[in-house]
Amino acid sequence: MFRAIFPINCYEAILSDDFSKLHNFKKEIRATDWLNGIVNNREGSVGSSHNRILEHPDLYYIKKTLTYHFNDFIHSFCGVPPETDNCITTSWLVRIKEGGRVHHHNHTNAWYSGLLYFDDDYTGAVPLCLENPYAAFNNFNVDMDKTFSPDGYYEVIPQPNKIFFFPSYLKHMSAVQTGDKPRYSLAWNIYPKGKLGASDSDSYIDTKWLNS
């Protein structure tokens, strides 16, 4: 019997909600693009001009919708107690133009990270690749099915209204965007809110002061 030991909890779904208001915020994206960490004014991947875009009043419903789906995931499928609250901290739009890519990185000071493909057409859009963290513990180069191989990647294929949650410690990247249509997405980080830890040998904090 095959067993997936220590699986990593992620969430992926196609939503029916209306995210069209995000199109009005594409102008928030900075004029300077980044390509492989080097400033380039013609091509690359780039984020919005500030990193709390979901705080905008026009996006209140979208933020509420994203929070609802995360709570359903974390409480129903991950076994997190219902009294454990959370809040969206940073949030930003991302554009990848032809020739651009997302560098290899993860998100610190966050619990989970979210991704929403809100555009209408993702023809030729490059997927986001999540790196298997167990690959670092594998000493052998064995040709196996990438579904089970510890050196594999998981690809999040862009589709309209696709939402994806993943632990923020997972490193992720994208290959070079070859399509001529820019790939737009919304990204955000989530932090647990309330009493965290135990009041004995663990570090214990109360984050109820965080703004949700």
N, C-alpha and C. Protein backbone atom coordinates (compact mmCIF):
# COMPACT_ATOMS: atom_id res chain seq x y z
N MET A 1 0.85 -1.20 0.00
CA MET A 1 0.00 0.00 0.00
C MET A 1 0.88 1.24 0.00
N PHE A 2 0.59 2.15 -0.91
CA PHE A 2 1.34 3.42 -0.97
C PHE A 2 0.84 4.37 0.10
N ARG A 3 1.77 5.00 0.81
CA ARG A 3 1.42 5.98 1.82
C ARG A 3 2.24 7.25 1.59
N ALA A 4 1.58 8.38 1.59
CA ALA A 4 2.28 9.67 1.51
C ALA A 4 2.52 10.13 2.94
N ILE A 5 3.76 9.96 3.41
CA ILE A 5 4.09 10.30 4.79
C ILE A 5 4.38 11.80 4.89
N PHE A 6 3.88 12.43 5.93
CA PHE A 6 4.06 13.87 6.16
C PHE A 6 3.65 14.71 4.95
N PRO A 7 2.42 14.57 4.49
CA PRO A 7 1.98 15.37 3.35
C PRO A 7 1.90 16.85 3.71
N ILE A 8 1.99 17.69 2.72
CA ILE A 8 1.92 19.14 2.89
C ILE A 8 0.53 19.60 2.45
N ASN A 9 -0.18 20.27 3.34
CA ASN A 9 -1.55 20.69 3.06
C ASN A 9 -1.59 21.94 2.21
N CYS A 10 -2.16 21.81 1.00
CA CYS A 10 -2.39 22.94 0.11
C CYS A 10 -3.84 22.89 -0.35
N TYR A 11 -4.29 23.95 -0.97
CA TYR A 11 -5.68 24.04 -1.40
C TYR A 11 -5.74 24.66 -2.78
N GLU A 12 -6.52 24.06 -3.67
CA GLU A 12 -6.66 24.55 -5.04
C GLU A 12 -8.11 24.40 -5.47
N ALA A 13 -8.68 25.47 -6.06
CA ALA A 13 -10.06 25.42 -6.51
C ALA A 13 -10.29 26.49 -7.57
N ILE A 14 -11.33 26.28 -8.38
CA ILE A 14 -11.81 27.29 -9.33
C ILE A 14 -13.07 27.89 -8.73
N LEU A 15 -13.05 29.19 -8.49
CA LEU A 15 -14.17 29.85 -7.84
C LEU A 15 -15.12 30.47 -8.87
N SER A 16 -16.34 30.69 -8.44
CA SER A 16 -17.35 31.31 -9.31
C SER A 16 -17.58 32.78 -8.96
N ASP A 17 -16.82 33.31 -8.02
CA ASP A 17 -16.99 34.68 -7.57
C ASP A 17 -16.53 35.68 -8.64
N ASP A 18 -17.00 36.90 -8.51
CA ASP A 18 -16.65 37.97 -9.44
C ASP A 18 -15.44 38.74 -8.90
N PHE A 19 -14.31 38.63 -9.60
CA PHE A 19 -13.09 39.33 -9.20
C PHE A 19 -12.72 40.44 -10.18
N SER A 20 -13.69 40.90 -10.95
CA SER A 20 -13.42 41.85 -12.02
C SER A 20 -12.89 43.19 -11.50
N LYS A 21 -13.20 43.55 -10.25
CA LYS A 21 -12.72 44.83 -9.72
C LYS A 21 -11.19 44.90 -9.66
N LEU A 22 -10.55 43.75 -9.61
CA LEU A 22 -9.09 43.75 -9.57
C LEU A 22 -8.49 44.30 -10.86
N HIS A 23 -9.24 44.23 -11.96
CA HIS A 23 -8.74 44.76 -13.22
C HIS A 23 -8.49 46.26 -13.12
N ASN A 24 -9.25 46.94 -12.28
CA ASN A 24 -9.10 48.39 -12.13
C ASN A 24 -7.82 48.77 -11.42
N PHE A 25 -7.15 47.79 -10.81
CA PHE A 25 -5.95 48.08 -10.03
C PHE A 25 -4.66 47.70 -10.76
N LYS A 26 -4.77 47.29 -12.01
CA LYS A 26 -3.56 46.94 -12.76
C LYS A 26 -2.62 48.13 -12.90
N LYS A 27 -3.19 49.33 -12.87
CA LYS A 27 -2.36 50.54 -12.99
C LYS A 27 -1.50 50.75 -11.75
N GLU A 28 -1.82 50.03 -10.64
CA GLU A 28 -1.03 50.15 -9.43
C GLU A 28 0.34 49.50 -9.56
N ILE A 29 0.53 48.73 -10.62
CA ILE A 29 1.79 48.03 -10.78
C ILE A 29 2.88 49.03 -11.13
N ARG A 30 4.03 48.89 -10.50
CA ARG A 30 5.14 49.81 -10.68
C ARG A 30 5.59 49.88 -12.13
N ALA A 31 6.13 51.01 -12.52
CA ALA A 31 6.63 51.17 -13.89
C ALA A 31 7.92 50.40 -14.11
N THR A 32 8.67 50.14 -13.02
CA THR A 32 9.94 49.43 -13.13
C THR A 32 9.71 47.94 -12.97
N ASP A 33 10.15 47.15 -13.94
CA ASP A 33 10.04 45.71 -13.88
C ASP A 33 11.34 45.09 -13.39
N TRP A 34 11.20 43.83 -12.95
CA TRP A 34 12.38 43.11 -12.46
C TRP A 34 12.56 41.83 -13.28
N LEU A 35 13.80 41.57 -13.64
CA LEU A 35 14.12 40.35 -14.36
C LEU A 35 15.37 39.75 -13.74
N ASN A 36 15.21 38.57 -13.13
CA ASN A 36 16.33 37.90 -12.46
C ASN A 36 16.99 38.80 -11.42
N GLY A 37 16.19 39.61 -10.73
CA GLY A 37 16.71 40.45 -9.68
C GLY A 37 17.36 41.72 -10.16
N ILE A 38 17.36 41.99 -11.46
CA ILE A 38 17.99 43.18 -12.01
C ILE A 38 16.91 44.09 -12.57
N VAL A 39 16.99 45.38 -12.24
CA VAL A 39 15.98 46.31 -12.73
C VAL A 39 16.02 46.38 -14.25
N ASN A 40 14.84 46.26 -14.86
CA ASN A 40 14.76 46.30 -16.32
C ASN A 40 13.44 46.97 -16.67
N ASN A 41 13.48 48.05 -17.40
CA ASN A 41 12.28 48.82 -17.68
C ASN A 41 11.43 48.27 -18.82
N ARG A 42 11.84 47.18 -19.43
CA ARG A 42 11.12 46.68 -20.59
C ARG A 42 10.48 45.33 -20.36
N GLU A 43 11.06 44.50 -19.50
CA GLU A 43 10.53 43.15 -19.35
C GLU A 43 10.78 42.65 -17.95
N GLY A 44 10.05 41.62 -17.57
CA GLY A 44 10.27 41.01 -16.28
C GLY A 44 8.98 40.82 -15.51
N SER A 45 9.10 40.50 -14.21
CA SER A 45 7.96 40.36 -13.34
C SER A 45 7.98 41.51 -12.34
N VAL A 46 6.84 41.94 -11.91
CA VAL A 46 6.77 43.13 -11.08
C VAL A 46 5.53 43.09 -10.21
N GLY A 47 5.60 43.73 -9.04
CA GLY A 47 4.46 43.78 -8.14
C GLY A 47 3.83 45.15 -8.09
N SER A 48 2.69 45.25 -7.39
CA SER A 48 1.98 46.52 -7.30
C SER A 48 2.76 47.52 -6.45
N SER A 49 2.34 48.78 -6.51
CA SER A 49 3.10 49.86 -5.91
C SER A 49 3.08 49.83 -4.38
N HIS A 50 2.14 49.13 -3.79
CA HIS A 50 2.15 48.95 -2.33
C HIS A 50 1.76 47.51 -2.04
N ASN A 51 2.04 47.07 -0.81
CA ASN A 51 1.86 45.65 -0.50
C ASN A 51 0.68 45.36 0.43
N ARG A 52 -0.31 46.23 0.43
CA ARG A 52 -1.56 45.95 1.17
C ARG A 52 -2.75 46.34 0.30
N ILE A 53 -2.75 45.87 -0.92
CA ILE A 53 -3.77 46.31 -1.88
C ILE A 53 -5.17 45.85 -1.49
N LEU A 54 -5.29 44.76 -0.75
CA LEU A 54 -6.61 44.28 -0.34
C LEU A 54 -7.23 45.13 0.77
N GLU A 55 -6.49 46.12 1.27
CA GLU A 55 -7.05 47.05 2.24
C GLU A 55 -7.93 48.10 1.57
N HIS A 56 -7.87 48.19 0.25
CA HIS A 56 -8.66 49.19 -0.45
C HIS A 56 -10.15 48.89 -0.26
N PRO A 57 -10.98 49.91 0.05
CA PRO A 57 -12.41 49.67 0.29
C PRO A 57 -13.13 48.98 -0.87
N ASP A 58 -12.71 49.23 -2.09
CA ASP A 58 -13.37 48.61 -3.24
C ASP A 58 -13.12 47.10 -3.31
N LEU A 59 -12.12 46.63 -2.58
CA LEU A 59 -11.78 45.21 -2.61
C LEU A 59 -12.18 44.48 -1.33
N TYR A 60 -13.03 45.12 -0.53
CA TYR A 60 -13.45 44.51 0.74
C TYR A 60 -14.11 43.15 0.52
N TYR A 61 -15.01 43.08 -0.46
CA TYR A 61 -15.72 41.82 -0.70
C TYR A 61 -14.74 40.72 -1.14
N ILE A 62 -13.77 41.09 -1.96
CA ILE A 62 -12.80 40.09 -2.43
C ILE A 62 -11.96 39.59 -1.26
N LYS A 63 -11.50 40.49 -0.42
CA LYS A 63 -10.73 40.07 0.76
C LYS A 63 -11.55 39.15 1.65
N LYS A 64 -12.83 39.49 1.85
CA LYS A 64 -13.72 38.67 2.67
C LYS A 64 -13.90 37.28 2.05
N THR A 65 -14.03 37.22 0.73
CA THR A 65 -14.19 35.94 0.03
C THR A 65 -12.95 35.07 0.18
N LEU A 66 -11.79 35.66 0.00
CA LEU A 66 -10.54 34.91 0.13
C LEU A 66 -10.37 34.38 1.55
N THR A 67 -10.71 35.20 2.54
CA THR A 67 -10.61 34.77 3.93
C THR A 67 -11.57 33.62 4.23
N TYR A 68 -12.77 33.69 3.67
CA TYR A 68 -13.75 32.61 3.86
C TYR A 68 -13.21 31.28 3.34
N HIS A 69 -12.64 31.28 2.16
CA HIS A 69 -12.14 30.04 1.58
C HIS A 69 -10.93 29.51 2.36
N PHE A 70 -10.09 30.41 2.86
CA PHE A 70 -8.96 29.94 3.66
C PHE A 70 -9.45 29.32 4.96
N ASN A 71 -10.42 29.96 5.61
CA ASN A 71 -10.94 29.41 6.86
C ASN A 71 -11.57 28.04 6.64
N ASP A 72 -12.29 27.87 5.54
CA ASP A 72 -12.89 26.58 5.23
C ASP A 72 -11.81 25.52 5.06
N PHE A 73 -10.74 25.88 4.39
CA PHE A 73 -9.61 24.96 4.17
C PHE A 73 -8.91 24.60 5.47
N ILE A 74 -8.55 25.61 6.24
CA ILE A 74 -7.69 25.39 7.41
C ILE A 74 -8.45 24.72 8.55
N HIS A 75 -9.77 24.98 8.64
CA HIS A 75 -10.55 24.39 9.72
C HIS A 75 -11.15 23.03 9.33
N SER A 76 -11.59 22.91 8.08
CA SER A 76 -12.26 21.67 7.66
C SER A 76 -11.29 20.58 7.25
N PHE A 77 -10.18 20.96 6.61
CA PHE A 77 -9.28 19.96 6.03
C PHE A 77 -7.96 19.82 6.79
N CYS A 78 -7.55 20.84 7.52
CA CYS A 78 -6.25 20.78 8.21
C CYS A 78 -6.39 20.54 9.70
N GLY A 79 -7.61 20.55 10.21
CA GLY A 79 -7.82 20.25 11.63
C GLY A 79 -7.46 21.38 12.57
N VAL A 80 -7.29 22.58 12.07
CA VAL A 80 -6.99 23.73 12.93
C VAL A 80 -8.25 24.08 13.72
N PRO A 81 -8.15 24.27 15.02
CA PRO A 81 -9.35 24.57 15.84
C PRO A 81 -10.09 25.80 15.33
N PRO A 82 -11.42 25.80 15.36
CA PRO A 82 -12.20 26.92 14.83
C PRO A 82 -11.95 28.24 15.55
N GLU A 83 -11.44 28.18 16.80
CA GLU A 83 -11.18 29.42 17.51
C GLU A 83 -9.89 30.10 17.05
N THR A 84 -9.09 29.40 16.24
CA THR A 84 -7.87 30.00 15.70
C THR A 84 -8.24 30.90 14.52
N ASP A 85 -8.07 32.18 14.71
CA ASP A 85 -8.40 33.15 13.67
C ASP A 85 -7.15 33.45 12.85
N ASN A 86 -7.31 34.24 11.81
CA ASN A 86 -6.17 34.59 10.97
C ASN A 86 -6.45 35.93 10.31
N CYS A 87 -5.43 36.53 9.74
CA CYS A 87 -5.63 37.78 9.02
C CYS A 87 -4.70 37.83 7.82
N ILE A 88 -5.16 38.51 6.79
CA ILE A 88 -4.32 38.76 5.62
C ILE A 88 -3.44 39.96 5.95
N THR A 89 -2.15 39.78 5.83
CA THR A 89 -1.22 40.88 6.12
C THR A 89 -0.88 41.60 4.81
N THR A 90 0.19 41.21 4.17
CA THR A 90 0.56 41.84 2.90
C THR A 90 -0.23 41.24 1.73
N SER A 91 -0.49 42.06 0.72
CA SER A 91 -1.19 41.61 -0.49
C SER A 91 -0.78 42.52 -1.64
N TRP A 92 -0.60 41.94 -2.81
CA TRP A 92 -0.08 42.71 -3.94
C TRP A 92 -0.45 42.04 -5.26
N LEU A 93 -0.45 42.82 -6.33
CA LEU A 93 -0.66 42.30 -7.68
C LEU A 93 0.70 42.00 -8.32
N VAL A 94 0.70 41.00 -9.18
CA VAL A 94 1.93 40.61 -9.87
C VAL A 94 1.67 40.57 -11.38
N ARG A 95 2.58 41.11 -12.15
CA ARG A 95 2.53 41.02 -13.60
C ARG A 95 3.83 40.41 -14.10
N ILE A 96 3.71 39.40 -14.96
CA ILE A 96 4.89 38.84 -15.63
C ILE A 96 4.72 39.06 -17.12
N LYS A 97 5.61 39.85 -17.69
CA LYS A 97 5.57 40.11 -19.12
C LYS A 97 6.44 39.09 -19.86
N GLU A 98 6.35 39.10 -21.18
CA GLU A 98 7.16 38.20 -22.00
C GLU A 98 8.63 38.38 -21.67
N GLY A 99 9.31 37.26 -21.40
CA GLY A 99 10.72 37.30 -21.02
C GLY A 99 10.97 37.41 -19.54
N GLY A 100 9.90 37.63 -18.76
CA GLY A 100 10.04 37.76 -17.32
C GLY A 100 9.86 36.43 -16.60
N ARG A 101 10.17 36.41 -15.34
CA ARG A 101 10.03 35.20 -14.54
C ARG A 101 9.91 35.58 -13.07
N VAL A 102 9.55 34.61 -12.24
CA VAL A 102 9.52 34.80 -10.79
C VAL A 102 10.74 34.10 -10.22
N HIS A 103 11.55 34.83 -9.46
CA HIS A 103 12.77 34.24 -8.91
C HIS A 103 12.45 33.21 -7.82
N HIS A 104 13.39 32.38 -7.51
CA HIS A 104 13.25 31.30 -6.53
C HIS A 104 13.27 31.91 -5.12
N HIS A 105 12.15 31.76 -4.38
CA HIS A 105 12.06 32.40 -3.08
C HIS A 105 10.93 31.77 -2.26
N ASN A 106 10.86 32.15 -1.00
CA ASN A 106 9.70 31.84 -0.17
C ASN A 106 9.35 33.08 0.63
N HIS A 107 8.29 33.00 1.45
CA HIS A 107 7.81 34.16 2.19
C HIS A 107 8.03 33.92 3.68
N THR A 108 8.81 34.79 4.30
CA THR A 108 9.05 34.68 5.74
C THR A 108 8.03 35.49 6.51
N ASN A 109 7.99 35.25 7.82
CA ASN A 109 7.04 35.94 8.71
C ASN A 109 5.59 35.78 8.25
N ALA A 110 5.28 34.62 7.72
CA ALA A 110 3.92 34.32 7.28
C ALA A 110 3.62 32.86 7.54
N TRP A 111 2.35 32.54 7.65
CA TRP A 111 1.89 31.17 7.92
C TRP A 111 1.56 30.47 6.61
N TYR A 112 0.60 31.02 5.87
CA TYR A 112 0.24 30.53 4.54
C TYR A 112 0.31 31.69 3.56
N SER A 113 0.45 31.35 2.29
CA SER A 113 0.41 32.34 1.22
C SER A 113 -0.67 31.94 0.23
N GLY A 114 -1.26 32.95 -0.41
CA GLY A 114 -2.35 32.70 -1.34
C GLY A 114 -2.05 33.26 -2.72
N LEU A 115 -2.72 32.68 -3.71
CA LEU A 115 -2.55 33.08 -5.10
C LEU A 115 -3.91 33.03 -5.78
N LEU A 116 -4.24 34.08 -6.52
CA LEU A 116 -5.48 34.11 -7.29
C LEU A 116 -5.18 34.58 -8.71
N TYR A 117 -5.57 33.77 -9.69
CA TYR A 117 -5.50 34.18 -11.09
C TYR A 117 -6.84 34.82 -11.45
N PHE A 118 -6.87 36.13 -11.52
CA PHE A 118 -8.13 36.85 -11.68
C PHE A 118 -8.37 37.33 -13.11
N ASP A 119 -7.40 37.14 -14.02
CA ASP A 119 -7.57 37.62 -15.39
C ASP A 119 -8.50 36.69 -16.17
N ASP A 120 -8.90 37.14 -17.37
CA ASP A 120 -9.87 36.39 -18.18
C ASP A 120 -9.24 35.35 -19.08
N ASP A 121 -7.96 35.50 -19.38
CA ASP A 121 -7.31 34.61 -20.35
C ASP A 121 -5.87 34.37 -19.94
N TYR A 122 -5.49 33.11 -19.81
CA TYR A 122 -4.13 32.76 -19.42
C TYR A 122 -3.46 31.88 -20.48
N THR A 123 -3.84 32.07 -21.72
CA THR A 123 -3.22 31.34 -22.81
C THR A 123 -1.72 31.65 -22.86
N GLY A 124 -0.90 30.63 -22.81
CA GLY A 124 0.55 30.81 -22.86
C GLY A 124 1.17 31.29 -21.56
N ALA A 125 0.39 31.35 -20.47
CA ALA A 125 0.91 31.84 -19.19
C ALA A 125 1.77 30.78 -18.52
N VAL A 126 2.88 31.19 -17.97
CA VAL A 126 3.80 30.27 -17.31
C VAL A 126 3.24 29.87 -15.95
N PRO A 127 3.31 28.61 -15.55
CA PRO A 127 2.80 28.20 -14.24
C PRO A 127 3.75 28.59 -13.11
N LEU A 128 3.21 28.63 -11.90
CA LEU A 128 4.04 28.78 -10.71
C LEU A 128 4.48 27.39 -10.27
N CYS A 129 5.75 27.24 -9.95
CA CYS A 129 6.29 25.94 -9.56
C CYS A 129 6.65 25.95 -8.08
N LEU A 130 6.08 25.02 -7.32
CA LEU A 130 6.40 24.86 -5.90
C LEU A 130 7.45 23.77 -5.75
N GLU A 131 8.51 24.08 -5.06
CA GLU A 131 9.59 23.11 -4.87
C GLU A 131 9.28 22.17 -3.71
N ASN A 132 9.50 20.89 -3.92
CA ASN A 132 9.33 19.91 -2.85
C ASN A 132 10.43 20.12 -1.82
N PRO A 133 10.09 20.48 -0.58
CA PRO A 133 11.14 20.76 0.42
C PRO A 133 11.93 19.53 0.83
N TYR A 134 11.38 18.34 0.59
CA TYR A 134 12.09 17.12 0.96
C TYR A 134 13.24 16.80 0.01
N ALA A 135 13.31 17.50 -1.11
CA ALA A 135 14.37 17.23 -2.08
C ALA A 135 15.75 17.43 -1.46
N ALA A 136 15.85 18.35 -0.49
CA ALA A 136 17.15 18.63 0.13
C ALA A 136 17.68 17.44 0.92
N PHE A 137 16.79 16.50 1.27
CA PHE A 137 17.20 15.35 2.08
C PHE A 137 17.47 14.10 1.22
N ASN A 138 17.36 14.25 -0.09
CA ASN A 138 17.56 13.11 -0.98
C ASN A 138 18.98 13.15 -1.56
N ASN A 139 19.73 12.05 -1.38
CA ASN A 139 21.12 12.00 -1.83
C ASN A 139 21.30 11.26 -3.14
N PHE A 140 20.21 10.81 -3.76
CA PHE A 140 20.32 9.98 -4.94
C PHE A 140 19.58 10.61 -6.12
N ASN A 141 20.15 10.49 -7.29
CA ASN A 141 19.51 10.97 -8.51
C ASN A 141 18.90 9.76 -9.20
N VAL A 142 17.65 9.48 -8.89
CA VAL A 142 16.96 8.31 -9.40
C VAL A 142 15.82 8.79 -10.30
N ASP A 143 15.71 8.22 -11.50
CA ASP A 143 14.68 8.62 -12.45
C ASP A 143 13.36 7.97 -12.04
N MET A 144 12.51 8.75 -11.38
CA MET A 144 11.22 8.26 -10.93
C MET A 144 10.12 9.18 -11.44
N ASP A 145 8.90 8.72 -11.34
CA ASP A 145 7.75 9.56 -11.67
C ASP A 145 7.81 10.80 -10.78
N LYS A 146 7.73 11.99 -11.41
CA LYS A 146 7.87 13.24 -10.66
C LYS A 146 6.76 13.43 -9.63
N THR A 147 5.66 12.67 -9.78
CA THR A 147 4.59 12.78 -8.80
C THR A 147 5.05 12.32 -7.43
N PHE A 148 5.95 11.33 -7.41
CA PHE A 148 6.38 10.74 -6.15
C PHE A 148 7.84 11.01 -5.84
N SER A 149 8.61 11.46 -6.82
CA SER A 149 10.03 11.69 -6.60
C SER A 149 10.25 12.87 -5.67
N PRO A 150 11.19 12.74 -4.71
CA PRO A 150 11.44 13.84 -3.78
C PRO A 150 12.11 15.04 -4.42
N ASP A 151 12.52 14.94 -5.69
CA ASP A 151 13.13 16.11 -6.33
C ASP A 151 12.16 16.78 -7.30
N GLY A 152 10.87 16.49 -7.15
CA GLY A 152 9.88 17.03 -8.08
C GLY A 152 9.37 18.41 -7.71
N TYR A 153 8.66 19.02 -8.66
CA TYR A 153 7.98 20.30 -8.47
C TYR A 153 6.48 20.08 -8.69
N TYR A 154 5.69 20.94 -8.05
CA TYR A 154 4.26 20.95 -8.33
C TYR A 154 3.94 22.23 -9.08
N GLU A 155 3.28 22.10 -10.22
CA GLU A 155 2.96 23.25 -11.03
C GLU A 155 1.52 23.72 -10.78
N VAL A 156 1.37 24.99 -10.49
CA VAL A 156 0.06 25.61 -10.36
C VAL A 156 -0.26 26.24 -11.72
N ILE A 157 -1.10 25.56 -12.49
CA ILE A 157 -1.40 26.00 -13.85
C ILE A 157 -2.37 27.18 -13.82
N PRO A 158 -2.02 28.31 -14.44
CA PRO A 158 -2.91 29.47 -14.43
C PRO A 158 -4.23 29.19 -15.16
N GLN A 159 -5.32 29.49 -14.49
CA GLN A 159 -6.68 29.42 -15.04
C GLN A 159 -7.49 30.54 -14.43
N PRO A 160 -8.44 31.12 -15.18
CA PRO A 160 -9.27 32.18 -14.61
C PRO A 160 -9.99 31.72 -13.34
N ASN A 161 -9.92 32.57 -12.31
CA ASN A 161 -10.59 32.35 -11.02
C ASN A 161 -10.02 31.18 -10.23
N LYS A 162 -8.78 30.77 -10.52
CA LYS A 162 -8.16 29.71 -9.71
C LYS A 162 -7.55 30.33 -8.47
N ILE A 163 -7.83 29.70 -7.33
CA ILE A 163 -7.25 30.11 -6.06
C ILE A 163 -6.36 28.99 -5.55
N PHE A 164 -5.27 29.37 -4.88
CA PHE A 164 -4.33 28.36 -4.38
C PHE A 164 -3.74 28.86 -3.07
N PHE A 165 -3.76 28.00 -2.03
CA PHE A 165 -3.11 28.29 -0.76
C PHE A 165 -1.97 27.30 -0.56
N PHE A 166 -0.84 27.77 -0.03
CA PHE A 166 0.28 26.89 0.27
C PHE A 166 1.05 27.43 1.46
N PRO A 167 1.72 26.56 2.25
CA PRO A 167 2.52 27.05 3.38
C PRO A 167 3.60 28.01 2.89
N SER A 168 3.78 29.10 3.61
CA SER A 168 4.68 30.15 3.14
C SER A 168 6.14 29.73 3.10
N TYR A 169 6.48 28.64 3.81
CA TYR A 169 7.88 28.21 3.78
C TYR A 169 8.26 27.52 2.47
N LEU A 170 7.27 27.12 1.67
CA LEU A 170 7.58 26.44 0.41
C LEU A 170 8.22 27.41 -0.58
N LYS A 171 9.36 27.04 -1.10
CA LYS A 171 10.01 27.87 -2.10
C LYS A 171 9.31 27.68 -3.44
N HIS A 172 9.19 28.77 -4.19
CA HIS A 172 8.47 28.72 -5.45
C HIS A 172 9.13 29.67 -6.46
N MET A 173 8.82 29.44 -7.71
CA MET A 173 9.41 30.20 -8.80
C MET A 173 8.61 29.95 -10.06
N SER A 174 8.95 30.64 -11.13
CA SER A 174 8.38 30.32 -12.44
C SER A 174 9.48 30.38 -13.47
N ALA A 175 9.29 29.62 -14.54
CA ALA A 175 10.21 29.71 -15.66
C ALA A 175 9.93 31.00 -16.42
N VAL A 176 10.64 31.23 -17.49
CA VAL A 176 10.48 32.45 -18.28
C VAL A 176 9.14 32.45 -19.00
N GLN A 177 8.42 33.56 -18.94
CA GLN A 177 7.16 33.72 -19.64
C GLN A 177 7.44 33.88 -21.14
N THR A 178 6.94 32.94 -21.94
CA THR A 178 7.18 33.00 -23.39
C THR A 178 6.02 33.62 -24.15
N GLY A 179 4.82 33.60 -23.58
CA GLY A 179 3.68 34.21 -24.25
C GLY A 179 3.77 35.73 -24.24
N ASP A 180 3.18 36.36 -25.25
CA ASP A 180 3.27 37.81 -25.34
C ASP A 180 2.23 38.53 -24.49
N LYS A 181 1.27 37.80 -23.93
CA LYS A 181 0.26 38.40 -23.07
C LYS A 181 0.75 38.37 -21.63
N PRO A 182 0.76 39.51 -20.91
CA PRO A 182 1.20 39.52 -19.52
C PRO A 182 0.35 38.61 -18.65
N ARG A 183 0.97 37.96 -17.69
CA ARG A 183 0.27 37.11 -16.74
C ARG A 183 0.04 37.89 -15.45
N TYR A 184 -1.22 38.11 -15.10
CA TYR A 184 -1.57 38.85 -13.90
C TYR A 184 -2.06 37.89 -12.82
N SER A 185 -1.72 38.22 -11.58
CA SER A 185 -2.22 37.45 -10.44
C SER A 185 -2.25 38.33 -9.20
N LEU A 186 -2.99 37.87 -8.22
CA LEU A 186 -3.03 38.51 -6.90
C LEU A 186 -2.36 37.56 -5.92
N ALA A 187 -1.50 38.10 -5.07
CA ALA A 187 -0.80 37.28 -4.07
C ALA A 187 -0.99 37.91 -2.69
N TRP A 188 -0.99 37.09 -1.66
CA TRP A 188 -1.14 37.62 -0.30
C TRP A 188 -0.57 36.63 0.70
N ASN A 189 -0.28 37.15 1.90
CA ASN A 189 0.22 36.34 3.00
C ASN A 189 -0.78 36.35 4.15
N ILE A 190 -0.78 35.26 4.92
CA ILE A 190 -1.72 35.07 6.02
C ILE A 190 -0.95 34.78 7.29
N TYR A 191 -1.40 35.38 8.38
CA TYR A 191 -0.76 35.19 9.69
C TYR A 191 -1.82 34.74 10.69
N PRO A 192 -1.48 33.76 11.56
CA PRO A 192 -2.46 33.34 12.57
C PRO A 192 -2.71 34.46 13.57
N LYS A 193 -3.92 34.52 14.07
CA LYS A 193 -4.34 35.62 14.94
C LYS A 193 -4.94 35.05 16.22
N GLY A 194 -4.47 35.53 17.34
CA GLY A 194 -4.96 35.04 18.62
C GLY A 194 -3.84 34.46 19.46
N LYS A 195 -4.17 33.52 20.32
CA LYS A 195 -3.20 32.92 21.23
C LYS A 195 -2.47 31.79 20.52
N LEU A 196 -1.15 31.93 20.42
CA LEU A 196 -0.33 30.95 19.71
C LEU A 196 0.68 30.33 20.66
N GLY A 197 0.80 29.00 20.58
CA GLY A 197 1.76 28.31 21.43
C GLY A 197 1.15 27.89 22.75
N ALA A 198 2.00 27.39 23.63
CA ALA A 198 1.59 26.95 24.96
C ALA A 198 2.42 27.71 25.99
N SER A 199 1.84 27.88 27.17
CA SER A 199 2.50 28.70 28.19
C SER A 199 3.49 27.90 29.03
N ASP A 200 4.14 26.90 28.42
CA ASP A 200 5.16 26.16 29.15
C ASP A 200 6.51 26.37 28.48
N SER A 201 7.02 25.34 27.81
CA SER A 201 8.35 25.47 27.21
C SER A 201 8.31 26.12 25.83
N ASP A 202 7.13 26.20 25.22
CA ASP A 202 7.02 26.83 23.91
C ASP A 202 6.99 28.34 24.03
N SER A 203 7.32 28.98 22.94
CA SER A 203 7.20 30.43 22.89
C SER A 203 5.71 30.78 22.74
N TYR A 204 5.19 31.61 23.61
CA TYR A 204 3.75 31.90 23.65
C TYR A 204 3.52 33.37 23.34
N ILE A 205 2.67 33.64 22.35
CA ILE A 205 2.35 35.01 21.99
C ILE A 205 0.85 35.13 21.73
N ASP A 206 0.36 36.34 21.83
CA ASP A 206 -1.04 36.62 21.54
C ASP A 206 -1.08 37.70 20.46
N THR A 207 -1.56 37.33 19.28
CA THR A 207 -1.55 38.26 18.14
C THR A 207 -2.93 38.81 17.84
N LYS A 208 -3.79 38.91 18.85
CA LYS A 208 -5.13 39.41 18.62
C LYS A 208 -5.14 40.88 18.18
N TRP A 209 -4.02 41.56 18.36
CA TRP A 209 -3.91 42.97 17.99
C TRP A 209 -3.77 43.16 16.48
N LEU A 210 -3.48 42.07 15.76
CA LEU A 210 -3.29 42.20 14.31
C LEU A 210 -4.57 42.65 13.63
N ASN A 211 -4.44 43.51 12.64
CA ASN A 211 -5.59 43.95 11.86
C ASN A 211 -5.91 42.93 10.80
N SER A 212 -7.17 42.52 10.70
CA SER A 212 -7.57 41.54 9.71
C SER A 212 -8.14 42.22 8.49
